[in-house]
């Protein structure tokens, strides 16, 4: 059985998004505790979360992170990025 972060990592990998855009999203979510808290907070409305994502994230990653936010899975971002890195490394070594 795969984990939620592993599933998201596979989808992100399969989307073939530019690595620079992935890195921008990684920095946003791993270096800003406030952003992660806002995107996981039940107090912040779905539309507010989506507006924040539209303003901060690269266009190529917005829909992906909106889905993570909609499902309340942004808390898994750090583990998802680690699993994504492993997929990229495996792909390079294949």
PDB file of N, CA and C in Angstrom:
ATOM      1  N   UNK A   1       0.844  -1.182   0.000  1.00  0.00           N
ATOM      2  CA  UNK A   1       0.000   0.000   0.000  1.00  0.00           C
ATOM      3  C   UNK A   1       0.890   1.247   0.000  1.00  0.00           C
ATOM      4  N   UNK A   2       0.545   2.188  -0.823  1.00  0.00           N
ATOM      5  CA  UNK A   2       1.333   3.424  -0.884  1.00  0.00           C
ATOM      6  C   UNK A   2       0.705   4.477   0.010  1.00  0.00           C
ATOM      7  N   UNK A   3       1.537   5.424   0.391  1.00  0.00           N
ATOM      8  CA  UNK A   3       1.076   6.476   1.283  1.00  0.00           C
ATOM      9  C   UNK A   3       0.557   7.668   0.491  1.00  0.00           C
ATOM     10  N   UNK A   4      -0.120   8.548   1.166  1.00  0.00           N
ATOM     11  CA  UNK A   4      -0.643   9.762   0.529  1.00  0.00           C
ATOM     12  C   UNK A   4       0.489  10.582  -0.086  1.00  0.00           C
ATOM     13  N   UNK A   5       1.597  10.836   0.645  1.00  0.00           N
ATOM     14  CA  UNK A   5       2.691  11.591   0.017  1.00  0.00           C
ATOM     15  C   UNK A   5       3.259  10.893  -1.216  1.00  0.00           C
ATOM     16  N   UNK A   6       3.351   9.558  -1.164  1.00  0.00           N
ATOM     17  CA  UNK A   6       3.856   8.806  -2.323  1.00  0.00           C
ATOM     18  C   UNK A   6       2.929   8.958  -3.527  1.00  0.00           C
ATOM     19  N   UNK A   7       1.640   8.918  -3.279  1.00  0.00           N
ATOM     20  CA  UNK A   7       0.670   9.075  -4.374  1.00  0.00           C
ATOM     21  C   UNK A   7       0.786  10.456  -5.014  1.00  0.00           C
ATOM     22  N   UNK A   8       0.860  11.483  -4.183  1.00  0.00           N
ATOM     23  CA  UNK A   8       1.018  12.832  -4.726  1.00  0.00           C
ATOM     24  C   UNK A   8       2.340  12.986  -5.470  1.00  0.00           C
ATOM     25  N   UNK A   9       3.388  12.399  -4.941  1.00  0.00           N
ATOM     26  CA  UNK A   9       4.697  12.476  -5.602  1.00  0.00           C
ATOM     27  C   UNK A   9       4.633  11.854  -6.987  1.00  0.00           C
ATOM     28  N   UNK A  10       3.967  10.716  -7.105  1.00  0.00           N
ATOM     29  CA  UNK A  10       3.840  10.045  -8.404  1.00  0.00           C
ATOM     30  C   UNK A  10       3.075  10.924  -9.389  1.00  0.00           C
ATOM     31  N   UNK A  11       1.994  11.526  -8.940  1.00  0.00           N
ATOM     32  CA  UNK A  11       1.211  12.404  -9.826  1.00  0.00           C
ATOM     33  C   UNK A  11       2.058  13.601 -10.247  1.00  0.00           C
ATOM     34  N   UNK A  12       2.729  14.219  -9.294  1.00  0.00           N
ATOM     35  CA  UNK A  12       3.569  15.376  -9.603  1.00  0.00           C
ATOM     36  C   UNK A  12       4.654  14.990 -10.609  1.00  0.00           C
ATOM     37  N   UNK A  13       5.273  13.855 -10.406  1.00  0.00           N
ATOM     38  CA  UNK A  13       6.304  13.366 -11.318  1.00  0.00           C
ATOM     39  C   UNK A  13       5.720  13.132 -12.718  1.00  0.00           C
ATOM     40  N   UNK A  14       4.564  12.507 -12.774  1.00  0.00           N
ATOM     41  CA  UNK A  14       3.933  12.178 -14.058  1.00  0.00           C
ATOM     42  C   UNK A  14       3.448  13.412 -14.818  1.00  0.00           C
ATOM     43  N   UNK A  15       3.286  14.530 -14.126  1.00  0.00           N
ATOM     44  CA  UNK A  15       2.859  15.771 -14.791  1.00  0.00           C
ATOM     45  C   UNK A  15       3.989  16.428 -15.588  1.00  0.00           C
ATOM     46  N   UNK A  16       5.224  16.020 -15.328  1.00  0.00           N
ATOM     47  CA  UNK A  16       6.402  16.557 -16.038  1.00  0.00           C
ATOM     48  C   UNK A  16       6.474  18.073 -15.972  1.00  0.00           C
ATOM     49  N   UNK A  17       6.265  18.611 -14.786  1.00  0.00           N
ATOM     50  CA  UNK A  17       6.345  20.049 -14.555  1.00  0.00           C
ATOM     51  C   UNK A  17       7.811  20.454 -14.485  1.00  0.00           C
ATOM     52  N   UNK A  18       8.115  21.620 -14.983  1.00  0.00           N
ATOM     53  CA  UNK A  18       9.479  22.146 -14.975  1.00  0.00           C
ATOM     54  C   UNK A  18      10.060  22.072 -13.558  1.00  0.00           C
ATOM     55  N   UNK A  19      11.304  21.616 -13.465  1.00  0.00           N
ATOM     56  CA  UNK A  19      11.934  21.441 -12.153  1.00  0.00           C
ATOM     57  C   UNK A  19      12.058  22.759 -11.384  1.00  0.00           C
ATOM     58  N   UNK A  20      12.227  23.859 -12.094  1.00  0.00           N
ATOM     59  CA  UNK A  20      12.292  25.162 -11.432  1.00  0.00           C
ATOM     60  C   UNK A  20      10.979  25.524 -10.765  1.00  0.00           C
ATOM     61  N   UNK A  21       9.872  25.197 -11.419  1.00  0.00           N
ATOM     62  CA  UNK A  21       8.558  25.454 -10.824  1.00  0.00           C
ATOM     63  C   UNK A  21       8.323  24.567  -9.606  1.00  0.00           C
ATOM     64  N   UNK A  22       8.772  23.327  -9.695  1.00  0.00           N
ATOM     65  CA  UNK A  22       8.658  22.415  -8.546  1.00  0.00           C
ATOM     66  C   UNK A  22       9.466  22.962  -7.373  1.00  0.00           C
ATOM     67  N   UNK A  23      10.661  23.449  -7.670  1.00  0.00           N
ATOM     68  CA  UNK A  23      11.523  23.981  -6.606  1.00  0.00           C
ATOM     69  C   UNK A  23      10.904  25.223  -5.968  1.00  0.00           C
ATOM     70  N   UNK A  24      10.289  26.072  -6.765  1.00  0.00           N
ATOM     71  CA  UNK A  24       9.615  27.251  -6.222  1.00  0.00           C
ATOM     72  C   UNK A  24       8.508  26.836  -5.260  1.00  0.00           C
ATOM     73  N   UNK A  25       7.708  25.860  -5.664  1.00  0.00           N
ATOM     74  CA  UNK A  25       6.630  25.375  -4.802  1.00  0.00           C
ATOM     75  C   UNK A  25       7.195  24.750  -3.534  1.00  0.00           C
ATOM     76  N   UNK A  26       8.289  24.005  -3.678  1.00  0.00           N
ATOM     77  CA  UNK A  26       8.927  23.369  -2.518  1.00  0.00           C
ATOM     78  C   UNK A  26       9.359  24.434  -1.504  1.00  0.00           C
ATOM     79  N   UNK A  27      10.013  25.467  -1.986  1.00  0.00           N
ATOM     80  CA  UNK A  27      10.479  26.532  -1.097  1.00  0.00           C
ATOM     81  C   UNK A  27       9.294  27.194  -0.402  1.00  0.00           C
ATOM     82  N   UNK A  28       8.259  27.482  -1.152  1.00  0.00           N
ATOM     83  CA  UNK A  28       7.080  28.115  -0.561  1.00  0.00           C
ATOM     84  C   UNK A  28       6.508  27.278   0.584  1.00  0.00           C
ATOM     85  N   UNK A  29       6.383  25.980   0.353  1.00  0.00           N
ATOM     86  CA  UNK A  29       5.714  25.133   1.332  1.00  0.00           C
ATOM     87  C   UNK A  29       6.614  24.643   2.461  1.00  0.00           C
ATOM     88  N   UNK A  30       7.900  24.568   2.235  1.00  0.00           N
ATOM     89  CA  UNK A  30       8.771  24.058   3.294  1.00  0.00           C
ATOM     90  C   UNK A  30       9.426  25.159   4.106  1.00  0.00           C
ATOM     91  N   UNK A  31       9.449  26.373   3.578  1.00  0.00           N
ATOM     92  CA  UNK A  31      10.097  27.460   4.302  1.00  0.00           C
ATOM     93  C   UNK A  31       9.124  28.470   4.897  1.00  0.00           C
ATOM     94  N   UNK A  32       7.850  28.307   4.597  1.00  0.00           N
ATOM     95  CA  UNK A  32       6.866  29.234   5.151  1.00  0.00           C
ATOM     96  C   UNK A  32       5.828  28.458   5.968  1.00  0.00           C
ATOM     97  N   UNK A  33       6.075  28.410   7.247  1.00  0.00           N
ATOM     98  CA  UNK A  33       5.143  27.723   8.139  1.00  0.00           C
ATOM     99  C   UNK A  33       3.763  28.382   8.094  1.00  0.00           C
ATOM    100  N   UNK A  34       3.746  29.699   7.948  1.00  0.00           N
ATOM    101  CA  UNK A  34       2.478  30.435   7.895  1.00  0.00           C
ATOM    102  C   UNK A  34       1.652  30.030   6.681  1.00  0.00           C
ATOM    103  N   UNK A  35       2.313  29.850   5.543  1.00  0.00           N
ATOM    104  CA  UNK A  35       1.603  29.449   4.327  1.00  0.00           C
ATOM    105  C   UNK A  35       1.008  28.059   4.510  1.00  0.00           C
ATOM    106  N   UNK A  36       1.803  27.145   5.006  1.00  0.00           N
ATOM    107  CA  UNK A  36       1.306  25.785   5.223  1.00  0.00           C
ATOM    108  C   UNK A  36       0.137  25.785   6.194  1.00  0.00           C
ATOM    109  N   UNK A  37       0.251  26.557   7.254  1.00  0.00           N
ATOM    110  CA  UNK A  37      -0.848  26.644   8.223  1.00  0.00           C
ATOM    111  C   UNK A  37      -2.110  27.204   7.581  1.00  0.00           C
ATOM    112  N   UNK A  38      -1.962  28.232   6.758  1.00  0.00           N
ATOM    113  CA  UNK A  38      -3.127  28.824   6.092  1.00  0.00           C
ATOM    114  C   UNK A  38      -3.788  27.831   5.138  1.00  0.00           C
ATOM    115  N   UNK A  39      -2.971  27.075   4.409  1.00  0.00           N
ATOM    116  CA  UNK A  39      -3.522  26.143   3.429  1.00  0.00           C
ATOM    117  C   UNK A  39      -4.099  24.881   4.056  1.00  0.00           C
ATOM    118  N   UNK A  40      -3.800  24.650   5.325  1.00  0.00           N
ATOM    119  CA  UNK A  40      -4.356  23.485   6.019  1.00  0.00           C
ATOM    120  C   UNK A  40      -5.438  23.867   7.031  1.00  0.00           C
ATOM    121  N   UNK A  41      -5.615  25.141   7.261  1.00  0.00           N
ATOM    122  CA  UNK A  41      -6.553  25.605   8.277  1.00  0.00           C
ATOM    123  C   UNK A  41      -8.012  25.424   7.836  1.00  0.00           C
ATOM    124  N   UNK A  42      -8.829  24.863   8.715  1.00  0.00           N
ATOM    125  CA  UNK A  42     -10.260  24.759   8.396  1.00  0.00           C
ATOM    126  C   UNK A  42     -10.965  26.115   8.473  1.00  0.00           C
ATOM    127  N   UNK A  43     -10.313  27.098   9.073  1.00  0.00           N
ATOM    128  CA  UNK A  43     -10.902  28.430   9.205  1.00  0.00           C
ATOM    129  C   UNK A  43     -10.805  29.208   7.892  1.00  0.00           C
ATOM    130  N   UNK A  44      -9.773  28.945   7.128  1.00  0.00           N
ATOM    131  CA  UNK A  44      -9.565  29.636   5.851  1.00  0.00           C
ATOM    132  C   UNK A  44     -10.428  28.957   4.801  1.00  0.00           C
ATOM    133  N   UNK A  45     -11.213  29.749   4.086  1.00  0.00           N
ATOM    134  CA  UNK A  45     -12.124  29.178   3.093  1.00  0.00           C
ATOM    135  C   UNK A  45     -11.366  28.609   1.891  1.00  0.00           C
ATOM    136  N   UNK A  46     -12.029  27.708   1.210  1.00  0.00           N
ATOM    137  CA  UNK A  46     -11.456  27.094   0.012  1.00  0.00           C
ATOM    138  C   UNK A  46     -11.113  28.163  -1.021  1.00  0.00           C
ATOM    139  N   UNK A  47     -11.977  29.127  -1.197  1.00  0.00           N
ATOM    140  CA  UNK A  47     -11.722  30.177  -2.196  1.00  0.00           C
ATOM    141  C   UNK A  47     -10.532  31.053  -1.795  1.00  0.00           C
ATOM    142  N   UNK A  48     -10.368  31.307  -0.500  1.00  0.00           N
ATOM    143  CA  UNK A  48      -9.211  32.080  -0.037  1.00  0.00           C
ATOM    144  C   UNK A  48      -7.913  31.306  -0.262  1.00  0.00           C
ATOM    145  N   UNK A  49      -7.950  30.016   0.019  1.00  0.00           N
ATOM    146  CA  UNK A  49      -6.766  29.179  -0.206  1.00  0.00           C
ATOM    147  C   UNK A  49      -6.394  29.173  -1.682  1.00  0.00           C
ATOM    148  N   UNK A  50      -7.395  29.027  -2.539  1.00  0.00           N
ATOM    149  CA  UNK A  50      -7.145  29.004  -3.979  1.00  0.00           C
ATOM    150  C   UNK A  50      -6.594  30.346  -4.461  1.00  0.00           C
ATOM    151  N   UNK A  51      -7.068  31.439  -3.900  1.00  0.00           N
ATOM    152  CA  UNK A  51      -6.559  32.764  -4.268  1.00  0.00           C
ATOM    153  C   UNK A  51      -5.094  32.912  -3.876  1.00  0.00           C
ATOM    154  N   UNK A  52      -4.732  32.413  -2.707  1.00  0.00           N
ATOM    155  CA  UNK A  52      -3.335  32.458  -2.261  1.00  0.00           C
ATOM    156  C   UNK A  52      -2.463  31.634  -3.202  1.00  0.00           C
ATOM    157  N   UNK A  53      -2.919  30.446  -3.538  1.00  0.00           N
ATOM    158  CA  UNK A  53      -2.165  29.584  -4.456  1.00  0.00           C
ATOM    159  C   UNK A  53      -1.986  30.286  -5.802  1.00  0.00           C
ATOM    160  N   UNK A  54      -3.047  30.912  -6.299  1.00  0.00           N
ATOM    161  CA  UNK A  54      -2.953  31.630  -7.584  1.00  0.00           C
ATOM    162  C   UNK A  54      -1.935  32.762  -7.542  1.00  0.00           C
ATOM    163  N   UNK A  55      -1.802  33.404  -6.393  1.00  0.00           N
ATOM    164  CA  UNK A  55      -0.881  34.534  -6.278  1.00  0.00           C
ATOM    165  C   UNK A  55       0.576  34.106  -6.100  1.00  0.00           C
ATOM    166  N   UNK A  56       0.796  32.992  -5.408  1.00  0.00           N
ATOM    167  CA  UNK A  56       2.162  32.635  -5.014  1.00  0.00           C
ATOM    168  C   UNK A  56       2.833  31.553  -5.857  1.00  0.00           C
ATOM    169  N   UNK A  57       2.073  30.602  -6.320  1.00  0.00           N
ATOM    170  CA  UNK A  57       2.660  29.431  -6.962  1.00  0.00           C
ATOM    171  C   UNK A  57       2.802  29.625  -8.472  1.00  0.00           C
ATOM    172  N   UNK A  58       3.810  28.974  -9.057  1.00  0.00           N
ATOM    173  CA  UNK A  58       3.946  29.016 -10.519  1.00  0.00           C
ATOM    174  C   UNK A  58       2.686  28.441 -11.168  1.00  0.00           C
ATOM    175  N   UNK A  59       2.319  28.995 -12.294  1.00  0.00           N
ATOM    176  CA  UNK A  59       1.086  28.586 -12.965  1.00  0.00           C
ATOM    177  C   UNK A  59       1.021  27.080 -13.205  1.00  0.00           C
ATOM    178  N   UNK A  60       2.150  26.490 -13.539  1.00  0.00           N
ATOM    179  CA  UNK A  60       2.167  25.057 -13.865  1.00  0.00           C
ATOM    180  C   UNK A  60       1.880  24.152 -12.665  1.00  0.00           C
ATOM    181  N   UNK A  61       1.970  24.695 -11.460  1.00  0.00           N
ATOM    182  CA  UNK A  61       1.744  23.884 -10.255  1.00  0.00           C
ATOM    183  C   UNK A  61       0.438  24.225  -9.540  1.00  0.00           C
ATOM    184  N   UNK A  62      -0.219  25.253  -9.965  1.00  0.00           N
ATOM    185  CA  UNK A  62      -1.382  25.750  -9.213  1.00  0.00           C
ATOM    186  C   UNK A  62      -2.485  24.715  -9.052  1.00  0.00           C
ATOM    187  N   UNK A  63      -2.912  24.078 -10.125  1.00  0.00           N
ATOM    188  CA  UNK A  63      -4.008  23.121 -10.012  1.00  0.00           C
ATOM    189  C   UNK A  63      -3.643  21.952  -9.106  1.00  0.00           C
ATOM    190  N   UNK A  64      -2.405  21.504  -9.204  1.00  0.00           N
ATOM    191  CA  UNK A  64      -1.953  20.407  -8.356  1.00  0.00           C
ATOM    192  C   UNK A  64      -2.082  20.786  -6.881  1.00  0.00           C
ATOM    193  N   UNK A  65      -1.587  21.957  -6.517  1.00  0.00           N
ATOM    194  CA  UNK A  65      -1.631  22.343  -5.109  1.00  0.00           C
ATOM    195  C   UNK A  65      -3.030  22.766  -4.659  1.00  0.00           C
ATOM    196  N   UNK A  66      -3.861  23.179  -5.577  1.00  0.00           N
ATOM    197  CA  UNK A  66      -5.266  23.423  -5.220  1.00  0.00           C
ATOM    198  C   UNK A  66      -5.933  22.112  -4.832  1.00  0.00           C
ATOM    199  N   UNK A  67      -5.640  21.050  -5.556  1.00  0.00           N
ATOM    200  CA  UNK A  67      -6.210  19.741  -5.223  1.00  0.00           C
ATOM    201  C   UNK A  67      -5.699  19.281  -3.865  1.00  0.00           C
ATOM    202  N   UNK A  68      -4.396  19.416  -3.636  1.00  0.00           N
ATOM    203  CA  UNK A  68      -3.862  19.047  -2.315  1.00  0.00           C
ATOM    204  C   UNK A  68      -4.558  19.841  -1.214  1.00  0.00           C
ATOM    205  N   UNK A  69      -4.754  21.118  -1.463  1.00  0.00           N
ATOM    206  CA  UNK A  69      -5.402  21.973  -0.481  1.00  0.00           C
ATOM    207  C   UNK A  69      -6.864  21.576  -0.282  1.00  0.00           C
ATOM    208  N   UNK A  70      -7.564  21.316  -1.376  1.00  0.00           N
ATOM    209  CA  UNK A  70      -8.981  20.930  -1.298  1.00  0.00           C
ATOM    210  C   UNK A  70      -9.171  19.672  -0.449  1.00  0.00           C
ATOM    211  N   UNK A  71      -8.233  18.746  -0.554  1.00  0.00           N
ATOM    212  CA  UNK A  71      -8.327  17.494   0.197  1.00  0.00           C
ATOM    213  C   UNK A  71      -7.676  17.574   1.580  1.00  0.00           C
ATOM    214  N   UNK A  72      -7.152  18.746   1.919  1.00  0.00           N
ATOM    215  CA  UNK A  72      -6.535  18.920   3.225  1.00  0.00           C
ATOM    216  C   UNK A  72      -5.213  18.189   3.368  1.00  0.00           C
ATOM    217  N   UNK A  73      -4.512  18.018   2.254  1.00  0.00           N
ATOM    218  CA  UNK A  73      -3.286  17.235   2.254  1.00  0.00           C
ATOM    219  C   UNK A  73      -2.002  18.050   2.137  1.00  0.00           C
ATOM    220  N   UNK A  74      -2.076  19.355   2.252  1.00  0.00           N
ATOM    221  CA  UNK A  74      -0.871  20.185   2.158  1.00  0.00           C
ATOM    222  C   UNK A  74       0.117  19.837   3.267  1.00  0.00           C
ATOM    223  N   UNK A  75      -0.385  19.332   4.380  1.00  0.00           N
ATOM    224  CA  UNK A  75       0.489  18.930   5.480  1.00  0.00           C
ATOM    225  C   UNK A  75       1.487  17.844   5.065  1.00  0.00           C
ATOM    226  N   UNK A  76       1.201  17.130   3.986  1.00  0.00           N
ATOM    227  CA  UNK A  76       2.079  16.071   3.491  1.00  0.00           C
ATOM    228  C   UNK A  76       3.116  16.578   2.494  1.00  0.00           C
ATOM    229  N   UNK A  77       3.176  17.870   2.266  1.00  0.00           N
ATOM    230  CA  UNK A  77       4.037  18.419   1.213  1.00  0.00           C
ATOM    231  C   UNK A  77       5.499  18.037   1.380  1.00  0.00           C
ATOM    232  N   UNK A  78       6.026  18.156   2.577  1.00  0.00           N
ATOM    233  CA  UNK A  78       7.450  17.861   2.767  1.00  0.00           C
ATOM    234  C   UNK A  78       7.766  16.401   2.434  1.00  0.00           C
ATOM    235  N   UNK A  79       6.934  15.483   2.904  1.00  0.00           N
ATOM    236  CA  UNK A  79       7.131  14.065   2.595  1.00  0.00           C
ATOM    237  C   UNK A  79       6.904  13.794   1.108  1.00  0.00           C
ATOM    238  N   UNK A  80       5.956  14.491   0.521  1.00  0.00           N
ATOM    239  CA  UNK A  80       5.691  14.344  -0.902  1.00  0.00           C
ATOM    240  C   UNK A  80       6.902  14.779  -1.721  1.00  0.00           C
ATOM    241  N   UNK A  81       7.519  15.898  -1.349  1.00  0.00           N
ATOM    242  CA  UNK A  81       8.706  16.355  -2.079  1.00  0.00           C
ATOM    243  C   UNK A  81       9.863  15.370  -1.931  1.00  0.00           C
ATOM    244  N   UNK A  82      10.010  14.760  -0.781  1.00  0.00           N
ATOM    245  CA  UNK A  82      11.058  13.747  -0.593  1.00  0.00           C
ATOM    246  C   UNK A  82      10.806  12.542  -1.493  1.00  0.00           C
ATOM    247  N   UNK A  83       9.561  12.107  -1.550  1.00  0.00           N
ATOM    248  CA  UNK A  83       9.215  10.978  -2.417  1.00  0.00           C
ATOM    249  C   UNK A  83       9.387  11.363  -3.886  1.00  0.00           C
ATOM    250  N   UNK A  84       9.061  12.592  -4.228  1.00  0.00           N
ATOM    251  CA  UNK A  84       9.253  13.085  -5.596  1.00  0.00           C
ATOM    252  C   UNK A  84      10.738  13.056  -5.963  1.00  0.00           C
ATOM    253  N   UNK A  85      11.584  13.503  -5.056  1.00  0.00           N
ATOM    254  CA  UNK A  85      13.033  13.486  -5.299  1.00  0.00           C
ATOM    255  C   UNK A  85      13.526  12.070  -5.572  1.00  0.00           C
ATOM    256  N   UNK A  86      13.000  11.112  -4.827  1.00  0.00           N
ATOM    257  CA  UNK A  86      13.387   9.709  -5.032  1.00  0.00           C
ATOM    258  C   UNK A  86      12.957   9.228  -6.424  1.00  0.00           C
ATOM    259  N   UNK A  87      11.778   9.627  -6.866  1.00  0.00           N
ATOM    260  CA  UNK A  87      11.312   9.251  -8.201  1.00  0.00           C
ATOM    261  C   UNK A  87      12.196   9.857  -9.280  1.00  0.00           C
ATOM    262  N   UNK A  88      12.569  11.112  -9.107  1.00  0.00           N
ATOM    263  CA  UNK A  88      13.445  11.784 -10.076  1.00  0.00           C
ATOM    264  C   UNK A  88      14.805  11.074 -10.130  1.00  0.00           C
ATOM    265  N   UNK A  89      15.339  10.740  -8.977  1.00  0.00           N
ATOM    266  CA  UNK A  89      16.629  10.054  -8.914  1.00  0.00           C
ATOM    267  C   UNK A  89      16.546   8.674  -9.576  1.00  0.00           C
ATOM    268  N   UNK A  90      15.495   7.933  -9.283  1.00  0.00           N
ATOM    269  CA  UNK A  90      15.309   6.622  -9.919  1.00  0.00           C
ATOM    270  C   UNK A  90      15.202   6.751 -11.429  1.00  0.00           C
ATOM    271  N   UNK A  91      14.503   7.777 -11.886  1.00  0.00           N
ATOM    272  CA  UNK A  91      14.332   7.994 -13.328  1.00  0.00           C
ATOM    273  C   UNK A  91      15.668   8.323 -13.991  1.00  0.00           C
ATOM    274  N   UNK A  92      16.473   9.115 -13.323  1.00  0.00           N
ATOM    275  CA  UNK A  92      17.788   9.479 -13.875  1.00  0.00           C
ATOM    276  C   UNK A  92      18.729   8.292 -13.942  1.00  0.00           C
ATOM    277  N   UNK A  93      18.590   7.382 -12.985  1.00  0.00           N
ATOM    278  CA  UNK A  93      19.469   6.215 -12.921  1.00  0.00           C
ATOM    279  C   UNK A  93      18.963   5.038 -13.756  1.00  0.00           C
ATOM    280  N   UNK A  94      17.800   5.188 -14.350  1.00  0.00           N
ATOM    281  CA  UNK A  94      17.218   4.081 -15.146  1.00  0.00           C
ATOM    282  C   UNK A  94      17.859   3.997 -16.509  1.00  0.00           C
TER     283      UNK A  94
END
